N, C-alpha and C. Protein backbone atom coordinates (compact mmCIF):
# COMPACT_ATOMS: atom_id res chain seq x y z
N MET A 1 18.77 21.42 -18.41
CA MET A 1 18.48 21.25 -17.03
C MET A 1 17.02 21.43 -16.89
N PHE A 2 16.30 20.66 -16.26
CA PHE A 2 14.82 20.57 -16.02
C PHE A 2 14.34 21.06 -14.68
N VAL A 3 13.42 21.78 -14.53
CA VAL A 3 13.10 22.59 -13.24
C VAL A 3 11.58 22.28 -13.19
N SER A 4 11.07 21.92 -11.90
CA SER A 4 9.70 21.71 -11.74
C SER A 4 9.39 22.23 -10.20
N THR A 5 8.25 23.03 -10.21
CA THR A 5 7.98 23.49 -8.80
C THR A 5 6.45 23.29 -8.48
N ALA A 6 6.15 23.26 -7.25
CA ALA A 6 4.92 23.27 -6.67
C ALA A 6 4.51 23.96 -5.47
N GLN A 7 3.66 24.52 -5.24
CA GLN A 7 3.04 25.04 -4.09
C GLN A 7 2.05 24.06 -3.35
N ILE A 8 2.21 23.88 -2.12
CA ILE A 8 1.59 22.79 -1.32
C ILE A 8 0.79 23.58 -0.31
N ALA A 9 -0.38 23.68 -0.10
CA ALA A 9 -1.01 24.21 1.16
C ALA A 9 -0.86 23.29 2.27
N THR A 10 -0.25 24.08 3.35
CA THR A 10 -0.15 23.08 4.55
C THR A 10 -0.14 24.05 5.80
N ASP A 11 -0.68 23.65 7.02
CA ASP A 11 -0.54 24.53 8.21
C ASP A 11 0.84 24.42 8.85
N ASN A 12 1.75 23.27 8.51
CA ASN A 12 3.04 23.14 9.25
C ASN A 12 4.01 22.78 8.14
N PRO A 13 4.33 23.67 7.43
CA PRO A 13 5.58 23.52 6.26
C PRO A 13 6.77 22.97 7.00
N GLN A 14 7.05 23.79 8.24
CA GLN A 14 8.46 23.24 8.76
C GLN A 14 8.47 21.77 9.07
N ARG A 15 7.34 21.36 9.67
CA ARG A 15 7.32 19.90 9.87
C ARG A 15 7.35 18.98 8.74
N LEU A 16 6.87 19.29 7.70
CA LEU A 16 7.21 18.36 6.41
C LEU A 16 8.69 18.51 6.06
N ILE A 17 9.37 19.63 6.11
CA ILE A 17 10.61 19.94 5.59
C ILE A 17 11.60 19.09 6.62
N THR A 18 11.23 19.19 7.82
CA THR A 18 12.08 18.38 8.80
C THR A 18 11.88 16.86 8.81
N ARG A 19 10.77 16.33 8.59
CA ARG A 19 10.34 14.92 8.42
C ARG A 19 11.07 14.29 7.21
N LEU A 20 10.73 15.06 6.06
CA LEU A 20 11.39 14.61 4.78
C LEU A 20 12.90 14.48 4.89
N CYS A 21 13.48 15.65 5.25
CA CYS A 21 15.00 15.71 5.35
C CYS A 21 15.42 14.66 6.36
N LYS A 22 14.94 14.49 7.39
CA LYS A 22 15.28 13.41 8.29
C LYS A 22 15.20 12.21 7.69
N HIS A 23 14.10 11.91 7.19
CA HIS A 23 13.92 10.52 6.48
C HIS A 23 14.89 10.12 5.39
N TRP A 24 15.35 11.23 4.69
CA TRP A 24 16.20 10.95 3.58
C TRP A 24 17.67 11.13 3.81
N SER A 25 17.95 11.68 5.11
CA SER A 25 19.49 11.98 5.54
C SER A 25 20.31 10.94 5.61
N HIS A 26 19.82 9.63 5.81
CA HIS A 26 20.58 8.40 5.84
C HIS A 26 20.92 7.89 4.41
N LYS A 27 20.34 8.42 3.36
CA LYS A 27 20.70 7.98 2.22
C LYS A 27 21.27 9.10 1.14
N PHE A 28 21.00 10.28 1.59
CA PHE A 28 21.52 11.52 0.81
C PHE A 28 21.95 12.32 1.40
N SER A 29 22.62 13.49 0.75
CA SER A 29 23.13 14.68 1.40
C SER A 29 22.03 15.57 1.68
N VAL A 30 21.91 15.94 2.80
CA VAL A 30 20.93 16.96 3.31
C VAL A 30 21.25 18.05 4.10
N ILE A 31 20.71 19.25 3.83
CA ILE A 31 21.07 20.26 4.54
C ILE A 31 19.62 20.78 5.04
N CYS A 32 19.45 21.05 6.28
CA CYS A 32 18.06 21.45 6.64
C CYS A 32 18.09 22.50 7.99
N ASP A 33 17.12 23.36 8.06
CA ASP A 33 16.78 24.14 9.11
C ASP A 33 15.33 24.33 9.13
N GLU A 34 14.76 25.14 10.02
CA GLU A 34 13.39 25.54 10.26
C GLU A 34 12.78 25.85 9.09
N GLN A 35 13.45 26.65 8.18
CA GLN A 35 12.66 27.19 6.99
C GLN A 35 12.81 26.73 5.70
N GLN A 36 13.86 25.91 5.59
CA GLN A 36 14.19 25.33 4.27
C GLN A 36 14.85 23.99 4.43
N GLY A 37 15.04 23.22 3.32
CA GLY A 37 15.74 21.99 3.41
C GLY A 37 16.04 21.62 1.92
N GLU A 38 17.34 21.16 1.83
CA GLU A 38 17.86 20.82 0.47
C GLU A 38 18.30 19.42 0.45
N ILE A 39 17.84 18.60 -0.55
CA ILE A 39 18.12 17.18 -0.52
C ILE A 39 18.91 16.96 -1.89
N GLU A 40 19.85 16.25 -1.90
CA GLU A 40 20.76 16.01 -3.17
C GLU A 40 20.47 14.58 -3.20
N LEU A 41 19.45 14.17 -4.03
CA LEU A 41 19.17 12.64 -4.55
C LEU A 41 20.15 12.39 -5.69
N ASN A 42 20.15 11.13 -6.04
CA ASN A 42 21.09 10.56 -7.03
C ASN A 42 20.61 11.07 -8.49
N ILE A 43 19.30 11.48 -8.49
CA ILE A 43 18.82 11.92 -9.86
C ILE A 43 18.54 13.25 -10.00
N GLY A 44 18.77 14.06 -8.74
CA GLY A 44 18.37 15.56 -9.06
C GLY A 44 18.50 16.19 -7.61
N HIS A 45 17.98 17.27 -7.51
CA HIS A 45 18.17 18.17 -6.39
C HIS A 45 16.61 18.63 -5.96
N CYS A 46 16.25 18.63 -4.61
CA CYS A 46 14.96 19.13 -4.07
C CYS A 46 15.40 20.04 -3.11
N LEU A 47 14.67 21.37 -3.28
CA LEU A 47 14.69 22.39 -2.37
C LEU A 47 13.41 22.62 -1.84
N LEU A 48 13.23 22.70 -0.45
CA LEU A 48 11.82 22.77 0.21
C LEU A 48 11.99 24.22 1.08
N LYS A 49 10.97 25.01 0.71
CA LYS A 49 11.05 26.29 1.39
C LYS A 49 9.51 26.59 2.15
N ALA A 50 9.73 26.95 3.49
CA ALA A 50 8.36 27.02 4.21
C ALA A 50 7.74 28.53 3.84
N LEU A 51 6.61 28.63 3.67
CA LEU A 51 6.01 29.78 3.30
C LEU A 51 4.74 29.94 4.34
N GLU A 52 4.29 31.14 4.38
CA GLU A 52 3.02 31.22 5.14
C GLU A 52 1.88 30.57 4.58
N GLY A 53 1.53 29.41 5.33
CA GLY A 53 0.43 28.70 5.03
C GLY A 53 0.70 27.61 3.92
N GLY A 54 2.08 27.57 3.52
CA GLY A 54 2.25 26.43 2.62
C GLY A 54 3.72 26.18 2.70
N LEU A 55 3.96 25.13 1.60
CA LEU A 55 5.26 24.75 1.13
C LEU A 55 5.75 24.94 -0.23
N HIS A 56 6.78 25.61 -0.54
CA HIS A 56 7.27 25.52 -1.80
C HIS A 56 8.33 24.67 -2.21
N VAL A 57 8.24 23.80 -3.21
CA VAL A 57 8.90 22.78 -3.56
C VAL A 57 9.58 22.98 -4.96
N ARG A 58 10.95 23.00 -5.17
CA ARG A 58 11.61 23.12 -6.24
C ARG A 58 12.39 21.93 -6.67
N LEU A 59 12.33 21.25 -8.00
CA LEU A 59 13.17 20.20 -8.15
C LEU A 59 13.86 20.40 -9.27
N GLN A 60 14.91 20.10 -9.35
CA GLN A 60 16.03 20.21 -10.71
C GLN A 60 16.65 18.89 -11.04
N ALA A 61 16.72 18.56 -12.22
CA ALA A 61 17.25 17.33 -12.89
C ALA A 61 17.80 17.59 -14.21
N ALA A 62 18.79 16.70 -14.70
CA ALA A 62 19.34 17.11 -15.90
C ALA A 62 18.61 16.63 -17.04
N GLU A 63 17.64 15.48 -16.85
CA GLU A 63 16.73 14.88 -17.96
C GLU A 63 15.46 14.83 -17.57
N GLU A 64 14.54 14.86 -18.49
CA GLU A 64 13.22 15.13 -18.39
C GLU A 64 12.49 13.89 -17.55
N GLU A 65 13.15 12.51 -17.94
CA GLU A 65 12.70 11.32 -17.20
C GLU A 65 12.95 11.45 -15.68
N GLN A 66 14.20 12.23 -15.31
CA GLN A 66 14.53 12.22 -13.94
C GLN A 66 13.50 13.12 -13.17
N ILE A 67 13.08 14.33 -13.96
CA ILE A 67 12.38 15.18 -13.27
C ILE A 67 10.83 14.55 -13.02
N GLN A 68 10.54 13.83 -14.13
CA GLN A 68 9.19 13.12 -13.84
C GLN A 68 9.26 12.08 -12.53
N HIS A 69 10.31 11.45 -12.51
CA HIS A 69 10.62 10.49 -11.27
C HIS A 69 10.78 11.42 -10.11
N LEU A 70 11.25 12.32 -10.05
CA LEU A 70 11.45 13.28 -8.89
C LEU A 70 10.14 13.68 -8.38
N GLN A 71 9.07 14.22 -9.30
CA GLN A 71 7.97 14.66 -9.09
C GLN A 71 7.20 13.59 -8.33
N THR A 72 7.15 12.27 -8.89
CA THR A 72 6.55 11.24 -8.11
C THR A 72 7.01 10.90 -6.72
N VAL A 73 8.32 10.66 -6.78
CA VAL A 73 8.97 10.40 -5.48
C VAL A 73 8.76 11.30 -4.45
N VAL A 74 8.96 12.55 -4.72
CA VAL A 74 8.87 13.57 -3.68
C VAL A 74 7.47 13.88 -3.41
N GLY A 75 6.58 13.90 -4.18
CA GLY A 75 5.18 14.04 -4.04
C GLY A 75 4.67 12.92 -3.12
N ASP A 76 5.00 11.76 -3.51
CA ASP A 76 4.54 10.68 -2.54
C ASP A 76 5.16 10.74 -1.32
N HIS A 77 6.20 10.95 -1.10
CA HIS A 77 6.85 11.24 0.30
C HIS A 77 6.31 12.24 1.00
N LEU A 78 6.10 13.37 0.35
CA LEU A 78 5.47 14.40 1.07
C LEU A 78 4.14 14.12 1.66
N GLN A 79 3.33 13.46 1.00
CA GLN A 79 1.82 13.00 1.25
C GLN A 79 2.13 11.96 2.47
N ARG A 80 3.16 11.24 2.32
CA ARG A 80 3.31 10.18 3.52
C ARG A 80 3.82 10.80 4.87
N MET A 81 4.41 11.95 4.88
CA MET A 81 4.99 12.75 5.92
C MET A 81 4.02 13.56 6.69
N ASP A 82 2.92 13.89 6.07
CA ASP A 82 1.98 14.79 6.68
C ASP A 82 0.98 13.75 7.56
N SER A 83 0.37 14.18 8.64
CA SER A 83 -0.54 13.47 9.37
C SER A 83 -1.94 13.30 8.86
N LYS A 84 -1.98 14.31 7.96
CA LYS A 84 -3.39 14.19 7.18
C LYS A 84 -3.06 14.51 5.79
N PRO A 85 -4.02 14.00 4.97
CA PRO A 85 -3.70 14.15 3.40
C PRO A 85 -3.54 15.57 3.05
N LEU A 86 -2.51 15.86 2.19
CA LEU A 86 -2.32 17.06 1.59
C LEU A 86 -3.37 17.35 0.47
N PRO A 87 -3.82 18.50 0.38
CA PRO A 87 -4.53 18.82 -0.71
C PRO A 87 -3.69 18.54 -2.07
N ASP A 88 -4.62 18.28 -3.15
CA ASP A 88 -3.85 18.01 -4.47
C ASP A 88 -2.85 19.32 -4.93
N PHE A 89 -1.96 18.95 -5.45
CA PHE A 89 -0.95 20.07 -5.88
C PHE A 89 -0.56 19.77 -7.27
N VAL A 90 -0.10 20.82 -8.11
CA VAL A 90 0.27 20.74 -9.49
C VAL A 90 1.68 21.09 -9.73
N TRP A 91 2.51 20.26 -10.40
CA TRP A 91 3.87 20.41 -10.67
C TRP A 91 3.88 21.47 -11.90
N ASN A 92 4.64 22.48 -11.96
CA ASN A 92 4.84 23.40 -13.15
C ASN A 92 6.19 23.12 -13.57
N ARG A 93 6.50 22.64 -14.84
CA ARG A 93 7.74 22.29 -15.40
C ARG A 93 8.06 23.34 -16.35
N GLN A 94 9.58 23.51 -16.16
CA GLN A 94 10.18 24.36 -17.39
C GLN A 94 11.47 23.95 -17.63
N ALA A 95 12.19 24.05 -18.63
CA ALA A 95 13.50 23.46 -19.14
C ALA A 95 14.25 24.92 -19.04
N SER A 96 15.54 24.83 -18.24
CA SER A 96 16.27 25.97 -17.97
C SER A 96 17.49 25.87 -18.78
């Protein structure tokens, strides 16, 4: 199992969680509240948690190629969901 995490500085992490969960709810299994969201994509799992001043993202996938793809897809979608560009963020990967 591969895991990748990122911390994203944002003033409104709840808004990002809500928008991304709503966007993908027609395609994937989604659980969402004001503080966190979980999305079960066909290639892996995405967990979003609101923090003070930011958003914590945790991705999990069975294969390295899947985790790389998840990083790209989730990162791109988060950028599109915010009304202003998000600052650069770095994915931290580990095998579990």
